[in-house]
Amino acid sequence: MTSKDDSSMSSNDPTSPQQRIAEAFDPQLLESAGHRLVDLLGEHFRLVESSSKRVLNWTDPPTNVETAASFLRPDFRSNLTERFAELVQEMLSRGHNLHDPRYIGHQVPAPVPIAGLFDAVGAVTNQVMAIYEMGPWASSIEHAMVCELGQQVGWNEDQFSGLITHGGSLANLTALTTARNVSLGDAWEVGVARNGPPPVMLVHADAHYGVARSAGILGIGTNNIVSVGLDERRRMDPNQLDENLCDLRQKGHPIVAVVACACATPIGAFDPLNDISDVCQRHEVWLHVDAAHGGSACLSKRYKHLVDGLERVDSLIWDAHKMMFVPALCAFVFYRNKEHRFETFRQNAPYLFDPSAPGMSDYDSGLRTVECTKRAAAFGLWGVWSMFGKQLFEDMVDITFDLGRLFYEKLAAASDFETFHEPECNIVMFRYRPTEIRALSTDQIGAIQLEIRRRLIQSGQFYIVQNKFDGYGALRVTIINPLTDASHLEELMDAIREIGKIVIDEAK
């Protein structure tokens, strides 16, 4: 296709397939659209980071779906670069603005923006993985980041093994598949059915629902999950774990794994990993830790004590797309014992893996992940670490964890708010409970919390989430934008009060 300037770059829906394909692949279109993209993103972030937009651009689902569908009918008279800019602007105006400091909701961060540009390089050039030769640089970057983070856990480089997969749920499934295969011996080949009592998995009572999903997928069954009791700080109680294991051993149940948390989702509780490791070693059972959120405490001198003992566990997961502030999805799976790295999938695929080059197996990710084709998930993390170093990640952990404590103190000092726990990180659960509703039942108070939250997020002022405490509705924040500061937390409390007054008055 001959080169043309941007002003003449338009699609007339040419009848020739070659013309249509050439136009779609035109490097000049990429260049002109790319320039517009960066300009649009720059202006978007200037407005969002200054809280000049709504946090959540709320529109009811049917309307949004109808609008999205309307764009699927292209206007072939339009300039392609302008059409691209129109579509991007629509995406930005209708999305969720996680970079607004008033976004303090789910455990999904405001990622370092430039990380997305590194990810874009992988997406545009389609650097995929399964075997090293398909994605040599993507594979090398993943290997380098696995080595770097594994050493932050506390392991020597030649001691452990790791990989990256798409999200914490898939990471937990991958690690627990390995645990099942190692613990039960031949489960991969013959399944988990056994003569006698069924295999069980012992799990932190507040563990993420993805762990239960893993039990179902692995054939263990959700009915064979034993919830381990919690202490007064909602951490797994090592004494109760010990009692559970003794009882299960006495009854003849094979133990697949113990699953601890660092930290558990509801209130961010970090399990006492050294004590739990002692129990698991005494009973000779596999210890897995879901450190999707809290693994990043390894990077902080101030908060590393929260994960003391993490280096002793058999497997763990750690989401870089949470507290390392890079775009989703980039989830790490680690095995303390390097020999376990090929226990997950005991398969041969000769059309992919070259038996003439056995030394490549450690770099062929398809041998160790659920995925065959896998996106280059570590480009953003590698790029940001290479530009700013470890210190930036430590700074972001420290600032957001510190703010969790500050927000708790502000809530505790306010007579119209109720707190439930001293936060160990950036997750805080609470209720708005002014004098006029204290005589109501806990169920009624909980319902008021959910209504306040719904109105708050639809207003666009803030984004927080709902949860339950002792079975009743509560409010929960995760301070996962490093640009959030104390003033935003005070504004949140005032916004809850303002909306709460309306909700309470309407309920009278």
Protein backbone atom coordinates (compact mmCIF):
# COMPACT_ATOMS: atom_id res chain seq x y z
CA MET A 1 0.00 0.00 0.00
CA THR A 2 1.42 3.39 -0.91
CA SER A 3 2.02 5.86 1.86
CA LYS A 4 -0.45 8.71 2.31
CA ASP A 5 -0.77 11.59 4.74
CA ASP A 6 -3.17 11.41 7.65
CA SER A 7 -5.72 13.78 6.15
CA SER A 8 -6.43 11.41 3.29
CA MET A 9 -6.36 8.23 5.42
CA SER A 10 -9.98 7.08 5.31
CA SER A 11 -11.87 3.93 4.60
CA ASN A 12 -14.34 3.83 1.70
CA ASP A 13 -15.12 0.19 2.40
CA PRO A 14 -13.09 -0.91 -0.64
CA THR A 15 -14.32 -4.07 -2.26
CA SER A 16 -10.86 -5.54 -2.58
CA PRO A 17 -9.90 -7.74 0.38
CA GLN A 18 -6.27 -6.79 -0.17
CA GLN A 19 -7.11 -3.08 0.18
CA ARG A 20 -9.07 -3.60 3.37
CA ILE A 21 -6.29 -5.70 4.90
CA ALA A 22 -3.57 -3.26 3.81
CA GLU A 23 -5.44 -0.36 5.38
CA ALA A 24 -5.88 -2.21 8.67
CA PHE A 25 -2.16 -3.06 8.81
CA ASP A 26 -0.88 0.33 7.61
CA PRO A 27 2.05 1.45 9.86
CA GLN A 28 1.15 5.10 9.22
CA LEU A 29 -2.33 4.55 10.65
CA LEU A 30 -0.72 3.00 13.73
CA GLU A 31 1.62 5.96 14.07
CA SER A 32 -1.07 8.63 13.71
CA ALA A 33 -3.51 6.77 15.96
CA GLY A 34 -0.77 6.19 18.51
CA HIS A 35 -0.02 9.90 18.74
CA ARG A 36 -3.69 10.65 19.30
CA LEU A 37 -3.90 7.92 21.93
CA VAL A 38 -1.06 9.32 24.00
CA ASP A 39 -2.55 12.82 23.82
CA LEU A 40 -5.97 11.55 24.90
CA LEU A 41 -4.52 9.48 27.75
CA GLY A 42 -2.40 12.37 28.97
CA GLU A 43 -5.41 14.68 29.17
CA HIS A 44 -7.50 11.90 30.75
CA PHE A 45 -5.00 11.33 33.53
CA ARG A 46 -4.64 15.06 34.20
CA LEU A 47 -8.38 15.28 34.81
CA VAL A 48 -8.78 11.98 36.68
CA GLU A 49 -5.85 12.41 39.03
CA SER A 50 -7.17 15.86 40.00
CA SER A 51 -10.63 14.36 40.69
CA SER A 52 -12.22 16.44 37.95
CA LYS A 53 -14.34 13.53 36.72
CA ARG A 54 -16.70 11.01 38.24
CA VAL A 55 -14.95 8.03 39.81
CA LEU A 56 -17.43 5.53 38.41
CA ASN A 57 -19.17 6.47 35.17
CA TRP A 58 -22.36 4.67 36.11
CA THR A 59 -24.81 3.69 33.38
CA ASP A 60 -27.26 0.83 33.66
CA PRO A 61 -26.09 -2.34 31.83
CA PRO A 62 -28.69 -2.45 29.01
CA THR A 63 -27.94 1.14 28.00
CA ASN A 64 -24.19 0.53 28.00
CA VAL A 65 -24.55 -2.65 25.96
CA GLU A 66 -26.77 -0.89 23.43
CA THR A 67 -24.27 1.95 23.10
CA ALA A 68 -21.36 -0.44 22.69
CA ALA A 69 -23.26 -2.34 20.01
CA SER A 70 -24.02 0.85 18.11
CA PHE A 71 -20.32 1.37 17.38
CA LEU A 72 -20.11 -1.99 15.63
CA ARG A 73 -21.61 -0.37 12.54
CA PRO A 74 -18.68 1.64 11.17
CA ASP A 75 -19.03 4.88 9.24
CA PHE A 76 -16.83 4.15 6.26
CA ARG A 77 -16.79 7.81 5.31
CA SER A 78 -14.89 8.81 8.43
CA ASN A 79 -11.18 9.35 8.74
CA LEU A 80 -9.70 6.26 10.40
CA THR A 81 -7.52 8.19 12.87
CA GLU A 82 -10.47 10.32 13.88
CA ARG A 83 -12.64 7.23 14.20
CA PHE A 84 -9.99 5.68 16.43
CA ALA A 85 -9.89 8.81 18.62
CA GLU A 86 -13.70 8.81 18.85
CA LEU A 87 -13.70 5.19 20.05
CA VAL A 88 -10.92 5.78 22.58
CA GLN A 89 -12.70 8.84 23.95
CA GLU A 90 -15.86 6.78 24.38
CA MET A 91 -13.88 4.13 26.26
CA LEU A 92 -12.37 6.72 28.59
CA SER A 93 -15.66 8.52 29.23
CA ARG A 94 -17.55 5.34 30.13
CA GLY A 95 -14.93 3.42 32.11
CA HIS A 96 -14.03 3.20 35.77
CA ASN A 97 -11.49 5.85 36.82
CA LEU A 98 -9.19 3.89 39.12
CA HIS A 99 -6.58 6.67 39.03
CA ASP A 100 -8.91 9.07 40.80
CA PRO A 101 -7.69 9.25 44.42
CA ARG A 102 -11.32 8.73 45.46
CA TYR A 103 -11.25 5.21 44.07
CA ILE A 104 -10.69 3.09 47.19
CA GLY A 105 -12.75 0.02 46.43
CA HIS A 106 -11.75 -3.41 45.23
CA GLN A 107 -8.26 -4.88 45.39
CA VAL A 108 -7.60 -3.63 41.87
CA PRO A 109 -5.02 -0.85 41.78
CA ALA A 110 -4.48 2.38 39.97
CA PRO A 111 -1.50 1.00 38.03
CA VAL A 112 1.59 3.01 37.20
CA PRO A 113 0.38 4.43 33.85
CA ILE A 114 3.57 3.87 31.92
CA ALA A 115 3.37 0.14 32.73
CA GLY A 116 0.46 0.00 30.31
CA LEU A 117 2.67 1.30 27.52
CA PHE A 118 5.11 -1.55 28.04
CA ASP A 119 2.17 -3.96 27.98
CA ALA A 120 0.99 -2.32 24.77
CA VAL A 121 4.23 -3.24 23.04
CA GLY A 122 3.56 -6.89 23.82
CA ALA A 123 -0.08 -6.61 22.75
CA VAL A 124 0.56 -4.84 19.45
CA THR A 125 3.36 -7.19 18.45
CA ASN A 126 1.60 -10.24 19.99
CA GLN A 127 4.50 -11.57 22.02
CA VAL A 128 2.98 -14.81 23.23
CA MET A 129 4.40 -17.60 25.31
CA ALA A 130 4.21 -21.38 25.63
CA ILE A 131 7.61 -22.23 24.26
CA TYR A 132 10.70 -20.06 24.46
CA GLU A 133 11.19 -19.73 20.72
CA MET A 134 7.71 -18.20 20.27
CA GLY A 135 8.35 -15.47 22.81
CA PRO A 136 12.06 -15.38 23.65
CA TRP A 137 12.08 -11.91 25.19
CA ALA A 138 8.74 -12.35 26.96
CA SER A 139 9.99 -15.65 28.40
CA SER A 140 13.27 -14.06 29.47
CA ILE A 141 11.53 -11.18 31.20
CA GLU A 142 9.22 -13.56 33.05
CA HIS A 143 12.18 -15.66 34.15
CA ALA A 144 14.06 -12.56 35.36
CA MET A 145 11.08 -11.26 37.34
CA VAL A 146 10.44 -14.68 38.90
CA CYS A 147 14.06 -14.75 40.05
CA GLU A 148 13.89 -11.21 41.41
CA LEU A 149 10.68 -11.65 43.39
CA GLY A 150 11.60 -15.12 44.63
CA GLN A 151 14.72 -13.65 46.17
CA GLN A 152 12.57 -10.97 47.81
CA VAL A 153 10.61 -13.80 49.46
CA GLY A 154 13.90 -15.01 50.91
CA TRP A 155 14.99 -17.88 48.68
CA ASN A 156 18.30 -18.52 46.95
CA GLU A 157 18.09 -18.33 43.16
CA ASP A 158 18.82 -22.03 42.59
CA GLN A 159 16.41 -23.21 45.31
CA PHE A 160 12.95 -22.28 44.02
CA SER A 161 10.88 -22.17 40.86
CA GLY A 162 8.09 -19.92 39.67
CA LEU A 163 5.91 -18.80 36.82
CA ILE A 164 3.35 -16.16 35.87
CA THR A 165 -0.28 -16.84 35.06
CA HIS A 166 -3.49 -14.92 34.47
CA GLY A 167 -4.87 -13.93 37.86
CA GLY A 168 -4.92 -15.12 41.43
CA SER A 169 -7.67 -17.70 40.98
CA LEU A 170 -5.78 -19.43 38.18
CA ALA A 171 -2.57 -19.11 40.19
CA ASN A 172 -4.17 -20.81 43.19
CA LEU A 173 -5.56 -23.54 40.95
CA THR A 174 -2.10 -24.10 39.43
CA ALA A 175 -0.34 -24.33 42.79
CA LEU A 176 -3.03 -26.53 44.33
CA THR A 177 -2.93 -28.85 41.33
CA THR A 178 0.74 -29.33 42.11
CA ALA A 179 -0.02 -29.87 45.79
CA ARG A 180 -2.65 -32.47 44.92
CA ASN A 181 -0.32 -34.35 42.59
CA VAL A 182 2.55 -34.37 45.08
CA SER A 183 0.40 -35.15 48.12
CA LEU A 184 -1.71 -37.88 46.51
CA GLY A 185 1.02 -39.31 44.30
CA ASP A 186 -0.88 -40.55 41.26
CA ALA A 187 -3.88 -38.21 41.23
CA TRP A 188 -2.99 -36.79 37.83
CA GLU A 189 -3.15 -40.23 36.24
CA VAL A 190 -5.90 -42.02 38.19
CA GLY A 191 -7.91 -39.24 39.81
CA VAL A 192 -8.61 -38.51 43.45
CA ALA A 193 -11.06 -41.33 44.20
CA ARG A 194 -9.72 -43.51 47.00
CA ASN A 195 -10.89 -46.46 49.07
CA GLY A 196 -11.77 -45.04 52.43
CA PRO A 197 -12.18 -41.42 53.58
CA PRO A 198 -11.86 -38.78 50.84
CA PRO A 199 -8.92 -36.38 50.48
CA VAL A 200 -9.42 -33.02 52.17
CA MET A 201 -8.03 -29.52 52.05
CA LEU A 202 -7.76 -27.34 55.18
CA VAL A 203 -8.44 -23.69 54.43
CA HIS A 204 -8.46 -20.35 56.23
CA ALA A 205 -12.13 -19.68 57.02
CA ASP A 206 -12.01 -16.28 55.23
CA ALA A 207 -10.07 -17.51 52.20
CA HIS A 208 -10.93 -16.18 48.74
CA TYR A 209 -13.71 -18.07 46.96
CA GLY A 210 -11.20 -19.04 44.27
CA VAL A 211 -9.76 -21.62 46.66
CA ALA A 212 -13.12 -23.38 46.92
CA ARG A 213 -13.37 -23.29 43.14
CA SER A 214 -10.00 -25.00 42.94
CA ALA A 215 -11.24 -27.76 45.24
CA GLY A 216 -14.20 -28.34 42.97
CA ILE A 217 -12.15 -28.32 39.78
CA LEU A 218 -9.51 -30.64 41.23
CA GLY A 219 -12.07 -33.28 42.15
CA ILE A 220 -11.54 -32.80 45.89
CA GLY A 221 -15.02 -31.32 46.22
CA THR A 222 -16.11 -28.25 48.13
CA ASN A 223 -17.70 -30.50 50.78
CA ASN A 224 -14.21 -31.75 51.57
CA ILE A 225 -12.87 -28.34 52.49
CA VAL A 226 -12.24 -28.06 56.22
CA SER A 227 -12.48 -24.44 57.37
CA VAL A 228 -9.84 -23.78 60.01
CA GLY A 229 -10.99 -21.57 62.86
CA LEU A 230 -9.73 -18.04 63.34
CA ASP A 231 -8.31 -16.15 66.27
CA GLU A 232 -9.56 -12.81 67.60
CA ARG A 233 -7.76 -11.01 64.74
CA ARG A 234 -9.40 -13.26 62.12
CA ARG A 235 -6.11 -15.05 61.43
CA MET A 236 -5.85 -18.82 61.06
CA ASP A 237 -5.43 -20.29 64.53
CA PRO A 238 -2.43 -22.69 64.53
CA ASN A 239 -3.81 -24.58 67.53
CA GLN A 240 -7.10 -25.27 65.79
CA LEU A 241 -5.19 -26.27 62.66
CA ASP A 242 -3.18 -28.75 64.71
CA GLU A 243 -6.37 -30.21 66.21
CA ASN A 244 -7.98 -30.45 62.76
CA LEU A 245 -4.98 -32.27 61.32
CA CYS A 246 -4.81 -34.70 64.24
CA ASP A 247 -8.49 -35.49 63.87
CA LEU A 248 -8.31 -35.94 60.09
CA ARG A 249 -5.22 -38.14 60.30
CA GLN A 250 -6.91 -40.29 62.92
CA LYS A 251 -9.91 -40.72 60.61
CA GLY A 252 -7.67 -41.65 57.68
CA HIS A 253 -8.26 -38.67 55.42
CA PRO A 254 -5.44 -37.95 52.94
CA ILE A 255 -4.43 -34.27 53.26
CA VAL A 256 -4.01 -32.41 49.98
CA ALA A 257 -2.87 -29.08 51.44
CA VAL A 258 -3.32 -26.43 54.09
CA VAL A 259 -4.20 -23.03 52.60
CA ALA A 260 -3.26 -19.96 54.62
CA CYS A 261 -3.63 -16.28 53.71
CA ALA A 262 -1.38 -13.25 53.53
CA CYS A 263 -3.68 -11.50 53.66
CA ALA A 264 -7.32 -12.68 53.77
CA THR A 265 -9.70 -10.59 51.70
CA PRO A 266 -12.35 -9.38 54.22
CA ILE A 267 -10.20 -7.34 56.62
CA GLY A 268 -6.66 -7.97 55.35
CA ALA A 269 -5.63 -10.38 58.11
CA PHE A 270 -2.15 -11.91 57.80
CA ASP A 271 -1.84 -15.45 59.11
CA PRO A 272 1.03 -16.32 61.52
CA LEU A 273 3.02 -18.22 58.92
CA ASN A 274 5.87 -19.40 61.13
CA ASP A 275 3.48 -21.03 63.60
CA ILE A 276 1.41 -22.55 60.79
CA SER A 277 4.58 -23.83 59.10
CA ASP A 278 5.60 -25.53 62.34
CA VAL A 279 2.27 -27.35 62.45
CA CYS A 280 2.40 -28.37 58.79
CA GLN A 281 5.96 -29.64 59.05
CA ARG A 282 5.07 -31.68 62.12
CA HIS A 283 2.19 -33.30 60.23
CA GLU A 284 4.16 -33.47 56.96
CA VAL A 285 1.50 -31.70 54.88
CA TRP A 286 1.80 -29.23 52.02
CA LEU A 287 1.41 -25.57 53.02
CA HIS A 288 0.13 -23.17 50.36
CA VAL A 289 -0.28 -19.43 50.95
CA ASP A 290 -2.57 -17.12 49.05
CA ALA A 291 -0.43 -13.97 49.18
CA ALA A 292 -2.11 -12.38 46.17
CA HIS A 293 -2.52 -9.07 48.01
CA GLY A 294 -0.02 -9.22 50.83
CA GLY A 295 2.98 -10.75 49.06
CA SER A 296 4.15 -7.25 48.24
CA ALA A 297 4.87 -6.67 51.93
CA CYS A 298 8.12 -8.52 51.08
CA LEU A 299 9.23 -5.34 49.34
CA SER A 300 8.82 -3.11 52.40
CA LYS A 301 11.26 -2.91 55.27
CA ARG A 302 8.45 -1.45 57.38
CA TYR A 303 5.89 -4.18 56.66
CA LYS A 304 7.93 -7.26 55.81
CA HIS A 305 7.26 -8.65 59.29
CA LEU A 306 3.68 -9.32 58.17
CA VAL A 307 4.93 -12.16 55.99
CA ASP A 308 7.57 -13.60 58.30
CA GLY A 309 7.82 -17.30 57.48
CA LEU A 310 6.69 -16.94 53.87
CA GLU A 311 9.98 -18.46 52.76
CA ARG A 312 9.08 -21.70 54.59
CA VAL A 313 5.88 -22.53 52.67
CA ASP A 314 5.69 -25.10 49.88
CA SER A 315 3.87 -22.85 47.42
CA LEU A 316 2.47 -19.36 47.25
CA ILE A 317 0.85 -16.95 44.87
CA TRP A 318 1.51 -13.20 44.58
CA ASP A 319 -0.41 -10.82 42.31
CA ALA A 320 1.68 -8.05 40.80
CA HIS A 321 -1.61 -6.57 39.55
CA LYS A 322 -2.55 -5.78 43.13
CA MET A 323 0.06 -4.22 45.39
CA MET A 324 2.78 -3.89 42.74
CA PHE A 325 0.48 -1.53 40.86
CA VAL A 326 0.75 -2.91 37.33
CA PRO A 327 -2.12 -3.66 34.93
CA ALA A 328 -4.01 -6.92 35.19
CA LEU A 329 -3.30 -9.71 34.90
CA CYS A 330 0.12 -10.66 36.26
CA ALA A 331 0.01 -13.34 38.97
CA PHE A 332 3.07 -15.22 40.22
CA VAL A 333 3.14 -18.84 41.40
CA PHE A 334 6.15 -19.96 43.43
CA TYR A 335 7.37 -23.35 44.64
CA ARG A 336 9.97 -23.47 47.39
CA ASN A 337 11.28 -26.78 46.08
CA LYS A 338 12.41 -26.45 42.48
CA GLU A 339 11.78 -30.17 41.90
CA HIS A 340 8.02 -29.54 42.05
CA ARG A 341 7.93 -27.30 38.97
CA PHE A 342 6.94 -30.08 36.54
CA GLU A 343 4.54 -31.92 38.86
CA THR A 344 1.56 -29.78 37.85
CA PHE A 345 1.02 -31.29 34.39
CA ARG A 346 2.57 -34.64 33.64
CA GLN A 347 2.09 -34.50 29.89
CA ASN A 348 3.96 -34.69 26.61
CA ALA A 349 3.21 -32.41 23.66
CA PRO A 350 5.75 -33.25 20.97
CA TYR A 351 4.32 -30.72 18.52
CA LEU A 352 5.38 -27.99 20.93
CA PHE A 353 8.23 -29.16 23.10
CA ASP A 354 11.41 -30.11 21.31
CA PRO A 355 12.99 -33.27 22.81
CA SER A 356 16.27 -32.37 21.07
CA ALA A 357 16.63 -29.34 23.38
CA PRO A 358 15.79 -30.61 26.88
CA GLY A 359 17.60 -27.69 28.49
CA MET A 360 14.85 -25.36 27.24
CA SER A 361 12.18 -26.91 29.48
CA ASP A 362 12.69 -24.37 32.25
CA TYR A 363 11.96 -21.59 29.76
CA ASP A 364 8.95 -23.23 28.07
CA SER A 365 6.12 -21.91 30.25
CA GLY A 366 3.53 -24.18 28.64
CA LEU A 367 4.93 -27.10 30.60
CA ARG A 368 3.92 -25.49 33.88
CA THR A 369 0.82 -23.34 33.26
CA VAL A 370 -2.82 -24.06 32.46
CA GLU A 371 -2.46 -21.85 29.41
CA CYS A 372 -0.71 -22.93 26.25
CA THR A 373 -0.76 -19.58 24.47
CA LYS A 374 -0.15 -16.97 27.18
CA ARG A 375 0.18 -13.21 26.92
CA ALA A 376 3.44 -11.56 27.91
CA ALA A 377 2.15 -10.59 31.34
CA ALA A 378 5.38 -9.23 32.86
CA PHE A 379 6.28 -6.47 30.39
CA GLY A 380 4.69 -3.72 32.49
CA LEU A 381 6.24 -4.92 35.75
CA TRP A 382 9.66 -5.36 34.18
CA GLY A 383 9.48 -1.91 32.55
CA VAL A 384 8.52 -0.07 35.74
CA TRP A 385 11.09 -1.96 37.85
CA SER A 386 13.77 -1.22 35.22
CA MET A 387 12.90 2.49 35.23
CA PHE A 388 12.33 3.13 38.94
CA GLY A 389 13.78 0.15 40.80
CA LYS A 390 12.46 -1.68 43.83
CA GLN A 391 12.16 1.52 45.88
CA LEU A 392 9.08 2.74 44.02
CA PHE A 393 7.23 -0.47 44.90
CA GLU A 394 8.28 -0.17 48.54
CA ASP A 395 7.07 3.44 48.57
CA MET A 396 3.64 2.49 47.21
CA VAL A 397 3.20 -0.32 49.72
CA ASP A 398 4.25 1.89 52.61
CA ILE A 399 2.05 4.84 51.65
CA THR A 400 -1.11 2.81 51.12
CA PHE A 401 -0.61 0.60 54.18
CA ASP A 402 0.06 3.70 56.28
CA LEU A 403 -3.17 5.25 55.01
CA GLY A 404 -5.09 2.16 56.09
CA ARG A 405 -4.00 2.80 59.64
CA LEU A 406 -4.71 6.54 59.37
CA PHE A 407 -8.23 5.93 58.09
CA TYR A 408 -8.91 3.50 60.91
CA GLU A 409 -7.80 6.13 63.43
CA LYS A 410 -10.09 8.73 61.86
CA LEU A 411 -13.03 6.33 61.97
CA ALA A 412 -12.29 5.30 65.57
CA ALA A 413 -12.17 8.95 66.64
CA ALA A 414 -15.56 9.70 65.05
CA SER A 415 -18.62 9.00 67.23
CA ASP A 416 -20.83 8.16 64.24
CA PHE A 417 -18.64 5.39 62.78
CA GLU A 418 -18.02 1.86 64.01
CA THR A 419 -14.73 -0.01 63.46
CA PHE A 420 -14.18 -3.76 63.71
CA HIS A 421 -10.45 -4.35 63.50
CA GLU A 422 -7.09 -2.65 63.61
CA PRO A 423 -5.89 -2.88 60.00
CA GLU A 424 -2.62 -4.59 59.21
CA CYS A 425 -2.54 -3.20 55.68
CA ASN A 426 -4.66 -0.97 53.43
CA ILE A 427 -7.98 -2.83 53.91
CA VAL A 428 -10.46 -1.38 56.41
CA MET A 429 -14.03 -2.52 57.19
CA PHE A 430 -16.45 -0.32 59.10
CA ARG A 431 -20.04 0.87 59.45
CA TYR A 432 -21.69 4.26 59.53
CA ARG A 433 -23.63 4.13 62.80
CA PRO A 434 -24.88 7.49 64.03
CA THR A 435 -26.98 7.80 67.19
CA GLU A 436 -30.34 7.77 65.41
CA ILE A 437 -29.93 4.21 64.09
CA ARG A 438 -28.26 2.52 67.05
CA ALA A 439 -31.59 1.21 68.35
CA LEU A 440 -32.20 -0.59 65.05
CA SER A 441 -31.41 -4.24 64.58
CA THR A 442 -28.03 -5.22 63.19
CA ASP A 443 -29.83 -6.46 60.08
CA GLN A 444 -31.44 -3.04 59.54
CA ILE A 445 -28.17 -1.23 60.18
CA GLY A 446 -26.47 -3.51 57.68
CA ALA A 447 -29.11 -2.78 55.03
CA ILE A 448 -28.55 0.94 55.52
CA GLN A 449 -24.82 0.46 54.84
CA LEU A 450 -25.54 -1.23 51.51
CA GLU A 451 -27.95 1.50 50.43
CA ILE A 452 -25.45 4.22 51.35
CA ARG A 453 -22.78 2.45 49.35
CA ARG A 454 -25.02 2.03 46.29
CA ARG A 455 -25.95 5.70 46.21
CA LEU A 456 -22.39 6.79 46.88
CA ILE A 457 -20.85 4.93 43.94
CA GLN A 458 -23.66 5.88 41.55
CA SER A 459 -23.13 9.54 42.45
CA GLY A 460 -19.56 9.31 41.15
CA GLN A 461 -18.14 10.90 44.30
CA PHE A 462 -16.28 7.83 45.59
CA TYR A 463 -15.96 4.14 44.91
CA ILE A 464 -15.98 1.77 47.88
CA VAL A 465 -17.34 -1.77 48.26
CA GLN A 466 -19.73 -3.63 50.49
CA ASN A 467 -19.02 -6.63 52.66
CA LYS A 468 -20.41 -8.45 55.66
CA PHE A 469 -19.12 -8.51 59.21
CA ASP A 470 -20.60 -11.18 61.47
CA GLY A 471 -23.15 -11.82 58.73
CA TYR A 472 -24.43 -8.23 58.38
CA GLY A 473 -23.81 -5.47 55.88
CA ALA A 474 -20.74 -3.28 56.26
CA LEU A 475 -18.58 -0.90 54.24
CA ARG A 476 -15.06 -1.73 53.14
CA VAL A 477 -12.25 0.19 51.50
CA THR A 478 -8.96 -0.85 49.98
CA ILE A 479 -6.67 2.14 49.68
CA ILE A 480 -4.97 1.00 46.49
CA ASN A 481 -4.19 4.29 44.79
CA PRO A 482 -0.90 5.82 45.98
CA LEU A 483 -2.27 9.28 45.11
CA THR A 484 -4.96 9.05 47.79
CA ASP A 485 -4.23 11.16 50.86
CA ALA A 486 -5.78 12.03 54.22
CA SER A 487 -8.01 14.74 52.74
CA HIS A 488 -9.72 12.23 50.46
CA LEU A 489 -10.47 9.97 53.44
CA GLU A 490 -12.04 12.89 55.31
CA GLU A 491 -14.11 13.74 52.24
CA LEU A 492 -15.28 10.12 52.10
CA MET A 493 -16.51 10.24 55.67
CA ASP A 494 -18.39 13.48 54.96
CA ALA A 495 -19.93 12.01 51.79
CA ILE A 496 -21.11 8.94 53.73
CA ARG A 497 -22.63 11.21 56.37
CA GLU A 498 -24.44 13.30 53.76
CA ILE A 499 -25.89 10.33 51.90
CA GLY A 500 -26.49 8.45 55.14
CA LYS A 501 -28.69 11.24 56.47
CA ILE A 502 -30.86 11.03 53.36
CA VAL A 503 -31.12 7.25 53.54
CA ILE A 504 -31.96 7.30 57.25
CA ASP A 505 -34.57 10.06 56.84
CA GLU A 506 -36.24 8.10 54.04
CA ALA A 507 -36.32 4.98 56.19
CA LYS A 508 -38.18 6.66 59.04
